[in-house]
Amino acid sequence: MGALLLFILNAEIVVNGGGIKHEIFSGMSIGGDGLERLSYTGIPSYVFGALLIFLIVVFCVLGIPPQKRDFQLYMFVLCTLILSLFVWYQMISSHLEYLETGVTGYFLGFPTASAWQMYGIWLSSVPLISLYSIGFRRYVFSDSDEKEFNALLEKSRSNEK
């Protein structure tokens, strides 16, 4: 991921990539050529985002003690990863489609790519949130973990006296 980030950061600057000055409104700029901006960094940026999503899911799994990880957890997390990567792909591909054609659809008041960002990206994290919320006692901090913690806490308090 670091190599991808360095590659993206060292990309050559696209002429008018940050937009050009608006003819009428001085504080406004008109976007430059989006396809040209992405010609060099588009695929590495997409891969970086996909790897970042993968990393988030892996960190969620690593936050669960190894002895509590089971097949059901791995399948749930795999489905979450597939959903998140699907949403990421849809967001990027609909944006590229707009850049190529200049035409976009709308969903709940937003252009398609923005709608995938507004609704899809945030909703695709709901399974991980529910895993932590609903599966907290099963995967993160079980009743036996709490009893063990309370025993250690009591032992620590008795040693202080």
N, C-alpha and C. Protein backbone atom coordinates (compact mmCIF):
# COMPACT_ATOMS: atom_id res chain seq x y z
N MET A 1 0.83 -1.19 0.00
CA MET A 1 0.00 0.00 0.00
C MET A 1 0.87 1.25 0.00
N GLY A 2 1.97 1.18 0.73
CA GLY A 2 2.88 2.32 0.76
C GLY A 2 3.47 2.62 -0.61
N ALA A 3 3.83 1.55 -1.33
CA ALA A 3 4.38 1.73 -2.68
C ALA A 3 3.35 2.35 -3.61
N LEU A 4 2.10 1.89 -3.50
CA LEU A 4 1.03 2.48 -4.32
C LEU A 4 0.85 3.96 -4.00
N LEU A 5 0.87 4.28 -2.71
CA LEU A 5 0.70 5.67 -2.30
C LEU A 5 1.84 6.53 -2.82
N LEU A 6 3.06 6.03 -2.73
CA LEU A 6 4.20 6.78 -3.27
C LEU A 6 4.08 6.95 -4.78
N PHE A 7 3.63 5.91 -5.47
CA PHE A 7 3.43 6.00 -6.91
C PHE A 7 2.42 7.09 -7.25
N ILE A 8 1.31 7.11 -6.51
CA ILE A 8 0.26 8.11 -6.75
C ILE A 8 0.77 9.51 -6.44
N LEU A 9 1.48 9.65 -5.33
CA LEU A 9 1.98 10.97 -4.93
C LEU A 9 3.03 11.51 -5.89
N ASN A 10 3.75 10.62 -6.55
CA ASN A 10 4.80 11.05 -7.48
C ASN A 10 4.32 11.12 -8.93
N ALA A 11 3.03 11.03 -9.14
CA ALA A 11 2.49 11.11 -10.50
C ALA A 11 2.75 12.50 -11.06
N GLU A 12 2.96 12.53 -12.37
CA GLU A 12 3.18 13.84 -12.99
C GLU A 12 1.90 14.66 -12.94
N ILE A 13 2.07 15.95 -12.80
CA ILE A 13 0.93 16.85 -12.65
C ILE A 13 0.24 17.03 -14.00
N VAL A 14 -1.07 16.88 -14.00
CA VAL A 14 -1.87 17.04 -15.21
C VAL A 14 -2.17 18.53 -15.40
N VAL A 15 -1.97 19.02 -16.61
CA VAL A 15 -2.26 20.42 -16.91
C VAL A 15 -3.75 20.66 -16.67
N ASN A 16 -4.07 21.70 -15.92
CA ASN A 16 -5.44 22.05 -15.54
C ASN A 16 -6.14 20.94 -14.76
N GLY A 17 -5.37 20.09 -14.12
CA GLY A 17 -5.94 19.00 -13.34
C GLY A 17 -6.75 19.49 -12.16
N GLY A 18 -6.40 20.63 -11.64
CA GLY A 18 -7.14 21.21 -10.52
C GLY A 18 -8.25 22.14 -10.97
N GLY A 19 -8.50 22.19 -12.26
CA GLY A 19 -9.54 23.05 -12.79
C GLY A 19 -8.96 24.32 -13.38
N ILE A 20 -9.81 25.05 -14.08
CA ILE A 20 -9.41 26.32 -14.67
C ILE A 20 -10.33 27.41 -14.12
N LYS A 21 -9.85 28.62 -14.17
CA LYS A 21 -10.60 29.74 -13.61
C LYS A 21 -11.89 29.96 -14.39
N HIS A 22 -12.97 30.18 -13.66
CA HIS A 22 -14.27 30.46 -14.27
C HIS A 22 -14.24 31.85 -14.90
N GLU A 23 -14.88 31.98 -16.06
CA GLU A 23 -14.84 33.25 -16.79
C GLU A 23 -15.63 34.35 -16.10
N ILE A 24 -16.69 34.00 -15.39
CA ILE A 24 -17.57 35.01 -14.79
C ILE A 24 -17.33 35.16 -13.29
N PHE A 25 -17.25 34.03 -12.59
CA PHE A 25 -17.13 34.07 -11.13
C PHE A 25 -15.68 33.82 -10.72
N SER A 26 -15.06 34.85 -10.14
CA SER A 26 -13.63 34.78 -9.86
C SER A 26 -13.27 33.73 -8.80
N GLY A 27 -14.15 33.47 -7.87
CA GLY A 27 -13.85 32.51 -6.81
C GLY A 27 -14.15 31.07 -7.18
N MET A 28 -14.56 30.85 -8.42
CA MET A 28 -14.98 29.51 -8.84
C MET A 28 -14.02 28.98 -9.90
N SER A 29 -13.82 27.67 -9.88
CA SER A 29 -13.03 27.06 -10.95
C SER A 29 -13.87 25.98 -11.63
N ILE A 30 -13.57 25.75 -12.89
CA ILE A 30 -14.25 24.73 -13.68
C ILE A 30 -13.33 23.52 -13.72
N GLY A 31 -13.88 22.36 -13.45
CA GLY A 31 -13.07 21.15 -13.41
C GLY A 31 -12.33 20.89 -14.70
N GLY A 32 -11.14 20.36 -14.56
CA GLY A 32 -10.35 20.00 -15.73
C GLY A 32 -10.81 18.67 -16.29
N ASP A 33 -9.99 18.08 -17.12
CA ASP A 33 -10.31 16.82 -17.76
C ASP A 33 -10.14 15.68 -16.76
N GLY A 34 -11.26 15.14 -16.29
CA GLY A 34 -11.23 14.08 -15.28
C GLY A 34 -10.58 12.80 -15.76
N LEU A 35 -10.83 12.42 -17.01
CA LEU A 35 -10.21 11.20 -17.54
C LEU A 35 -8.69 11.34 -17.62
N GLU A 36 -8.24 12.53 -18.00
CA GLU A 36 -6.79 12.74 -18.08
C GLU A 36 -6.18 12.71 -16.68
N ARG A 37 -6.89 13.25 -15.70
CA ARG A 37 -6.40 13.21 -14.32
C ARG A 37 -6.23 11.77 -13.85
N LEU A 38 -7.15 10.91 -14.26
CA LEU A 38 -7.12 9.52 -13.81
C LEU A 38 -6.31 8.60 -14.71
N SER A 39 -5.82 9.10 -15.83
CA SER A 39 -5.12 8.22 -16.78
C SER A 39 -3.89 7.57 -16.16
N TYR A 40 -3.20 8.27 -15.30
CA TYR A 40 -1.98 7.75 -14.69
C TYR A 40 -2.24 7.15 -13.31
N THR A 41 -3.14 7.76 -12.56
CA THR A 41 -3.33 7.34 -11.17
C THR A 41 -4.65 6.61 -10.92
N GLY A 42 -5.48 6.46 -11.91
CA GLY A 42 -6.80 5.87 -11.70
C GLY A 42 -6.76 4.45 -11.17
N ILE A 43 -6.05 3.57 -11.86
CA ILE A 43 -5.99 2.16 -11.43
C ILE A 43 -5.26 2.03 -10.09
N PRO A 44 -4.09 2.66 -9.90
CA PRO A 44 -3.46 2.57 -8.58
C PRO A 44 -4.34 3.12 -7.45
N SER A 45 -5.09 4.17 -7.73
CA SER A 45 -5.99 4.73 -6.70
C SER A 45 -7.11 3.75 -6.38
N TYR A 46 -7.66 3.12 -7.41
CA TYR A 46 -8.71 2.12 -7.20
C TYR A 46 -8.17 0.94 -6.38
N VAL A 47 -6.99 0.46 -6.73
CA VAL A 47 -6.39 -0.66 -6.00
C VAL A 47 -6.08 -0.25 -4.57
N PHE A 48 -5.59 0.97 -4.37
CA PHE A 48 -5.32 1.45 -3.01
C PHE A 48 -6.60 1.46 -2.18
N GLY A 49 -7.69 1.96 -2.74
CA GLY A 49 -8.96 1.96 -2.01
C GLY A 49 -9.44 0.57 -1.69
N ALA A 50 -9.30 -0.36 -2.65
CA ALA A 50 -9.72 -1.75 -2.41
C ALA A 50 -8.86 -2.39 -1.32
N LEU A 51 -7.56 -2.13 -1.35
CA LEU A 51 -6.68 -2.67 -0.30
C LEU A 51 -7.00 -2.06 1.05
N LEU A 52 -7.38 -0.80 1.07
CA LEU A 52 -7.77 -0.15 2.32
C LEU A 52 -9.03 -0.80 2.90
N ILE A 53 -10.00 -1.09 2.05
CA ILE A 53 -11.21 -1.79 2.50
C ILE A 53 -10.83 -3.17 3.05
N PHE A 54 -9.96 -3.88 2.33
CA PHE A 54 -9.50 -5.19 2.79
C PHE A 54 -8.81 -5.07 4.15
N LEU A 55 -7.98 -4.04 4.32
CA LEU A 55 -7.26 -3.83 5.57
C LEU A 55 -8.22 -3.58 6.73
N ILE A 56 -9.25 -2.80 6.50
CA ILE A 56 -10.25 -2.54 7.55
C ILE A 56 -10.90 -3.84 7.99
N VAL A 57 -11.27 -4.67 7.03
CA VAL A 57 -11.91 -5.95 7.37
C VAL A 57 -10.94 -6.86 8.11
N VAL A 58 -9.69 -6.90 7.68
CA VAL A 58 -8.69 -7.72 8.36
C VAL A 58 -8.48 -7.22 9.79
N PHE A 59 -8.42 -5.91 9.99
CA PHE A 59 -8.27 -5.38 11.35
C PHE A 59 -9.45 -5.77 12.23
N CYS A 60 -10.65 -5.78 11.65
CA CYS A 60 -11.82 -6.20 12.43
C CYS A 60 -11.69 -7.66 12.86
N VAL A 61 -11.18 -8.50 11.98
CA VAL A 61 -10.98 -9.91 12.34
C VAL A 61 -9.87 -10.03 13.38
N LEU A 62 -8.79 -9.28 13.22
CA LEU A 62 -7.69 -9.34 14.18
C LEU A 62 -8.08 -8.82 15.56
N GLY A 63 -9.14 -8.02 15.62
CA GLY A 63 -9.63 -7.52 16.90
C GLY A 63 -10.40 -8.57 17.69
N ILE A 64 -10.62 -9.72 17.09
CA ILE A 64 -11.32 -10.82 17.75
C ILE A 64 -10.28 -11.86 18.15
N PRO A 65 -10.28 -12.30 19.40
CA PRO A 65 -9.29 -13.30 19.83
C PRO A 65 -9.34 -14.55 18.94
N PRO A 66 -8.18 -15.10 18.60
CA PRO A 66 -8.13 -16.26 17.69
C PRO A 66 -9.01 -17.43 18.12
N GLN A 67 -9.12 -17.69 19.41
CA GLN A 67 -9.92 -18.82 19.87
C GLN A 67 -11.42 -18.60 19.67
N LYS A 68 -11.83 -17.37 19.40
CA LYS A 68 -13.25 -17.08 19.19
C LYS A 68 -13.62 -16.97 17.71
N ARG A 69 -12.64 -17.04 16.85
CA ARG A 69 -12.91 -16.97 15.41
C ARG A 69 -13.40 -18.34 14.94
N ASP A 70 -14.50 -18.34 14.22
CA ASP A 70 -15.05 -19.59 13.72
C ASP A 70 -15.44 -19.43 12.25
N PHE A 71 -15.90 -20.52 11.66
CA PHE A 71 -16.25 -20.52 10.25
C PHE A 71 -17.34 -19.50 9.95
N GLN A 72 -18.33 -19.41 10.84
CA GLN A 72 -19.44 -18.46 10.64
C GLN A 72 -18.91 -17.03 10.60
N LEU A 73 -17.98 -16.71 11.47
CA LEU A 73 -17.38 -15.37 11.48
C LEU A 73 -16.66 -15.10 10.16
N TYR A 74 -15.85 -16.05 9.73
CA TYR A 74 -15.10 -15.86 8.48
C TYR A 74 -16.03 -15.69 7.28
N MET A 75 -17.11 -16.44 7.24
CA MET A 75 -18.07 -16.32 6.13
C MET A 75 -18.77 -14.96 6.18
N PHE A 76 -19.14 -14.52 7.37
CA PHE A 76 -19.79 -13.22 7.53
C PHE A 76 -18.85 -12.10 7.08
N VAL A 77 -17.61 -12.18 7.51
CA VAL A 77 -16.63 -11.15 7.16
C VAL A 77 -16.31 -11.20 5.66
N LEU A 78 -16.24 -12.38 5.09
CA LEU A 78 -16.01 -12.51 3.65
C LEU A 78 -17.15 -11.88 2.86
N CYS A 79 -18.39 -12.14 3.27
CA CYS A 79 -19.54 -11.52 2.60
C CYS A 79 -19.51 -10.00 2.74
N THR A 80 -19.11 -9.52 3.91
CA THR A 80 -18.99 -8.08 4.12
C THR A 80 -17.92 -7.49 3.21
N LEU A 81 -16.80 -8.19 3.08
CA LEU A 81 -15.72 -7.72 2.20
C LEU A 81 -16.20 -7.68 0.75
N ILE A 82 -16.89 -8.71 0.31
CA ILE A 82 -17.40 -8.74 -1.06
C ILE A 82 -18.38 -7.60 -1.29
N LEU A 83 -19.28 -7.37 -0.34
CA LEU A 83 -20.24 -6.26 -0.45
C LEU A 83 -19.51 -4.93 -0.54
N SER A 84 -18.55 -4.71 0.34
CA SER A 84 -17.82 -3.44 0.36
C SER A 84 -17.04 -3.22 -0.93
N LEU A 85 -16.40 -4.27 -1.43
CA LEU A 85 -15.66 -4.14 -2.69
C LEU A 85 -16.59 -3.92 -3.87
N PHE A 86 -17.77 -4.53 -3.83
CA PHE A 86 -18.77 -4.32 -4.88
C PHE A 86 -19.20 -2.85 -4.91
N VAL A 87 -19.48 -2.30 -3.73
CA VAL A 87 -19.90 -0.89 -3.64
C VAL A 87 -18.77 0.01 -4.13
N TRP A 88 -17.54 -0.28 -3.72
CA TRP A 88 -16.38 0.50 -4.15
C TRP A 88 -16.25 0.47 -5.67
N TYR A 89 -16.39 -0.72 -6.26
CA TYR A 89 -16.31 -0.87 -7.71
C TYR A 89 -17.42 -0.07 -8.39
N GLN A 90 -18.64 -0.16 -7.88
CA GLN A 90 -19.77 0.56 -8.48
C GLN A 90 -19.55 2.07 -8.43
N MET A 91 -19.02 2.55 -7.31
CA MET A 91 -18.78 3.99 -7.19
C MET A 91 -17.75 4.45 -8.22
N ILE A 92 -16.66 3.73 -8.32
CA ILE A 92 -15.60 4.11 -9.26
C ILE A 92 -16.06 3.95 -10.70
N SER A 93 -16.70 2.83 -11.02
CA SER A 93 -17.09 2.60 -12.42
C SER A 93 -18.17 3.57 -12.87
N SER A 94 -19.10 3.93 -11.98
CA SER A 94 -20.12 4.90 -12.39
C SER A 94 -19.52 6.29 -12.57
N HIS A 95 -18.50 6.62 -11.79
CA HIS A 95 -17.80 7.90 -11.98
C HIS A 95 -17.06 7.90 -13.31
N LEU A 96 -16.37 6.82 -13.61
CA LEU A 96 -15.65 6.73 -14.89
C LEU A 96 -16.61 6.76 -16.07
N GLU A 97 -17.75 6.11 -15.92
CA GLU A 97 -18.76 6.13 -16.99
C GLU A 97 -19.24 7.55 -17.24
N TYR A 98 -19.43 8.31 -16.17
CA TYR A 98 -19.83 9.71 -16.33
C TYR A 98 -18.74 10.51 -17.03
N LEU A 99 -17.48 10.28 -16.64
CA LEU A 99 -16.39 11.02 -17.27
C LEU A 99 -16.28 10.71 -18.76
N GLU A 100 -16.57 9.47 -19.12
CA GLU A 100 -16.46 9.07 -20.53
C GLU A 100 -17.64 9.55 -21.37
N THR A 101 -18.85 9.52 -20.79
CA THR A 101 -20.05 9.84 -21.57
C THR A 101 -20.63 11.21 -21.28
N GLY A 102 -20.37 11.74 -20.10
CA GLY A 102 -20.97 13.02 -19.71
C GLY A 102 -22.41 12.87 -19.27
N VAL A 103 -22.89 11.64 -19.18
CA VAL A 103 -24.28 11.36 -18.80
C VAL A 103 -24.28 10.54 -17.51
N THR A 104 -25.17 10.90 -16.60
CA THR A 104 -25.28 10.13 -15.37
C THR A 104 -26.74 9.98 -14.99
N GLY A 105 -27.02 8.95 -14.24
CA GLY A 105 -28.34 8.78 -13.68
C GLY A 105 -28.37 9.41 -12.29
N TYR A 106 -29.54 9.42 -11.69
CA TYR A 106 -29.68 9.98 -10.34
C TYR A 106 -30.38 8.96 -9.46
N PHE A 107 -29.98 8.93 -8.19
CA PHE A 107 -30.60 8.05 -7.22
C PHE A 107 -30.78 8.83 -5.92
N LEU A 108 -32.01 8.97 -5.49
CA LEU A 108 -32.35 9.71 -4.26
C LEU A 108 -31.67 11.08 -4.20
N GLY A 109 -31.70 11.77 -5.33
CA GLY A 109 -31.22 13.15 -5.36
C GLY A 109 -29.75 13.34 -5.67
N PHE A 110 -29.01 12.27 -5.84
CA PHE A 110 -27.58 12.39 -6.11
C PHE A 110 -27.24 11.73 -7.43
N PRO A 111 -26.21 12.24 -8.13
CA PRO A 111 -25.70 11.51 -9.29
C PRO A 111 -25.28 10.10 -8.85
N THR A 112 -25.31 9.16 -9.77
CA THR A 112 -25.10 7.76 -9.42
C THR A 112 -23.82 7.52 -8.61
N ALA A 113 -22.70 8.04 -9.07
CA ALA A 113 -21.44 7.82 -8.35
C ALA A 113 -21.50 8.40 -6.94
N SER A 114 -22.07 9.58 -6.81
CA SER A 114 -22.21 10.21 -5.49
C SER A 114 -23.17 9.43 -4.61
N ALA A 115 -24.22 8.87 -5.22
CA ALA A 115 -25.17 8.06 -4.46
C ALA A 115 -24.50 6.80 -3.91
N TRP A 116 -23.64 6.18 -4.72
CA TRP A 116 -22.90 5.02 -4.21
C TRP A 116 -22.04 5.45 -3.03
N GLN A 117 -21.44 6.64 -3.10
CA GLN A 117 -20.63 7.14 -1.99
C GLN A 117 -21.50 7.42 -0.77
N MET A 118 -22.59 8.17 -0.98
CA MET A 118 -23.44 8.59 0.14
C MET A 118 -24.15 7.43 0.82
N TYR A 119 -24.66 6.52 0.04
CA TYR A 119 -25.47 5.44 0.61
C TYR A 119 -24.71 4.12 0.68
N GLY A 120 -24.02 3.77 -0.38
CA GLY A 120 -23.39 2.46 -0.44
C GLY A 120 -22.21 2.29 0.49
N ILE A 121 -21.28 3.24 0.46
CA ILE A 121 -20.08 3.11 1.29
C ILE A 121 -20.45 3.05 2.76
N TRP A 122 -21.34 3.93 3.18
CA TRP A 122 -21.72 3.95 4.60
C TRP A 122 -22.53 2.72 4.98
N LEU A 123 -23.45 2.30 4.12
CA LEU A 123 -24.27 1.14 4.44
C LEU A 123 -23.47 -0.16 4.38
N SER A 124 -22.42 -0.20 3.57
CA SER A 124 -21.63 -1.43 3.50
C SER A 124 -20.82 -1.67 4.76
N SER A 125 -20.71 -0.67 5.62
CA SER A 125 -20.02 -0.88 6.90
C SER A 125 -20.96 -1.36 7.99
N VAL A 126 -22.25 -1.33 7.73
CA VAL A 126 -23.24 -1.76 8.74
C VAL A 126 -23.01 -3.21 9.19
N PRO A 127 -22.68 -4.15 8.28
CA PRO A 127 -22.44 -5.51 8.78
C PRO A 127 -21.31 -5.59 9.81
N LEU A 128 -20.24 -4.83 9.62
CA LEU A 128 -19.15 -4.85 10.60
C LEU A 128 -19.58 -4.21 11.92
N ILE A 129 -20.38 -3.17 11.83
CA ILE A 129 -20.90 -2.54 13.04
C ILE A 129 -21.82 -3.50 13.77
N SER A 130 -22.68 -4.19 13.02
CA SER A 130 -23.59 -5.15 13.66
C SER A 130 -22.82 -6.34 14.23
N LEU A 131 -21.75 -6.75 13.56
CA LEU A 131 -20.92 -7.83 14.10
C LEU A 131 -20.40 -7.45 15.48
N TYR A 132 -19.93 -6.23 15.60
CA TYR A 132 -19.40 -5.77 16.88
C TYR A 132 -20.52 -5.57 17.90
N SER A 133 -21.65 -5.03 17.47
CA SER A 133 -22.75 -4.73 18.40
C SER A 133 -23.49 -5.99 18.82
N ILE A 134 -23.96 -6.75 17.85
CA ILE A 134 -24.76 -7.94 18.16
C ILE A 134 -23.88 -9.10 18.60
N GLY A 135 -22.72 -9.24 17.98
CA GLY A 135 -21.84 -10.35 18.31
C GLY A 135 -20.81 -10.04 19.37
N PHE A 136 -21.00 -8.94 20.11
CA PHE A 136 -20.01 -8.52 21.09
C PHE A 136 -19.72 -9.60 22.12
N ARG A 137 -20.78 -10.17 22.71
CA ARG A 137 -20.60 -11.19 23.75
C ARG A 137 -20.04 -12.49 23.19
N ARG A 138 -20.32 -12.75 21.95
CA ARG A 138 -19.83 -14.00 21.36
C ARG A 138 -18.38 -13.89 20.91
N TYR A 139 -18.03 -12.76 20.27
CA TYR A 139 -16.72 -12.66 19.65
C TYR A 139 -15.73 -11.77 20.37
N VAL A 140 -16.18 -10.76 21.07
CA VAL A 140 -15.25 -9.78 21.61
C VAL A 140 -15.02 -9.95 23.11
N PHE A 141 -16.08 -9.91 23.89
CA PHE A 141 -15.95 -9.91 25.35
C PHE A 141 -17.07 -10.76 25.94
N SER A 142 -16.81 -12.05 26.07
CA SER A 142 -17.84 -12.99 26.53
C SER A 142 -18.06 -12.88 28.03
N ASP A 143 -19.07 -13.58 28.52
CA ASP A 143 -19.35 -13.60 29.96
C ASP A 143 -18.16 -14.17 30.73
N SER A 144 -17.53 -15.21 30.19
CA SER A 144 -16.36 -15.79 30.86
C SER A 144 -15.19 -14.80 30.87
N ASP A 145 -15.04 -14.02 29.81
CA ASP A 145 -14.01 -12.98 29.79
C ASP A 145 -14.28 -11.95 30.87
N GLU A 146 -15.55 -11.59 31.04
CA GLU A 146 -15.91 -10.61 32.06
C GLU A 146 -15.62 -11.14 33.46
N LYS A 147 -15.95 -12.41 33.70
CA LYS A 147 -15.68 -13.02 35.01
C LYS A 147 -14.18 -13.05 35.28
N GLU A 148 -13.41 -13.42 34.27
CA GLU A 148 -11.95 -13.45 34.41
C GLU A 148 -11.40 -12.05 34.68
N PHE A 149 -11.92 -11.06 33.98
CA PHE A 149 -11.49 -9.68 34.19
C PHE A 149 -11.83 -9.21 35.61
N ASN A 150 -13.05 -9.50 36.05
CA ASN A 150 -13.46 -9.10 37.40
C ASN A 150 -12.61 -9.78 38.47
N ALA A 151 -12.24 -11.06 38.25
CA ALA A 151 -11.37 -11.76 39.20
C ALA A 151 -10.00 -11.10 39.25
N LEU A 152 -9.45 -10.75 38.09
CA LEU A 152 -8.16 -10.05 38.06
C LEU A 152 -8.24 -8.69 38.73
N LEU A 153 -9.35 -8.00 38.51
CA LEU A 153 -9.55 -6.69 39.12
C LEU A 153 -9.64 -6.81 40.64
N GLU A 154 -10.36 -7.82 41.10
CA GLU A 154 -10.49 -8.05 42.55
C GLU A 154 -9.13 -8.41 43.15
N LYS A 155 -8.37 -9.24 42.45
CA LYS A 155 -7.04 -9.63 42.92
C LYS A 155 -6.14 -8.40 42.99
N SER A 156 -6.23 -7.53 41.99
CA SER A 156 -5.43 -6.31 41.96
C SER A 156 -5.78 -5.40 43.13
N ARG A 157 -7.06 -5.30 43.42
CA ARG A 157 -7.51 -4.45 44.54
C ARG A 157 -7.06 -5.03 45.88
N SER A 158 -7.09 -6.35 46.00
CA SER A 158 -6.68 -6.96 47.27
C SER A 158 -5.17 -6.83 47.47
N ASN A 159 -4.40 -6.79 46.39
CA ASN A 159 -2.95 -6.61 46.50
C ASN A 159 -2.59 -5.18 46.89
N GLU A 160 -3.47 -4.23 46.60
CA GLU A 160 -3.20 -2.83 46.94
C GLU A 160 -3.38 -2.57 48.42
N LYS A 161 -4.17 -3.40 49.09
CA LYS A 161 -4.46 -3.17 50.52
C LYS A 161 -3.37 -3.60 51.42
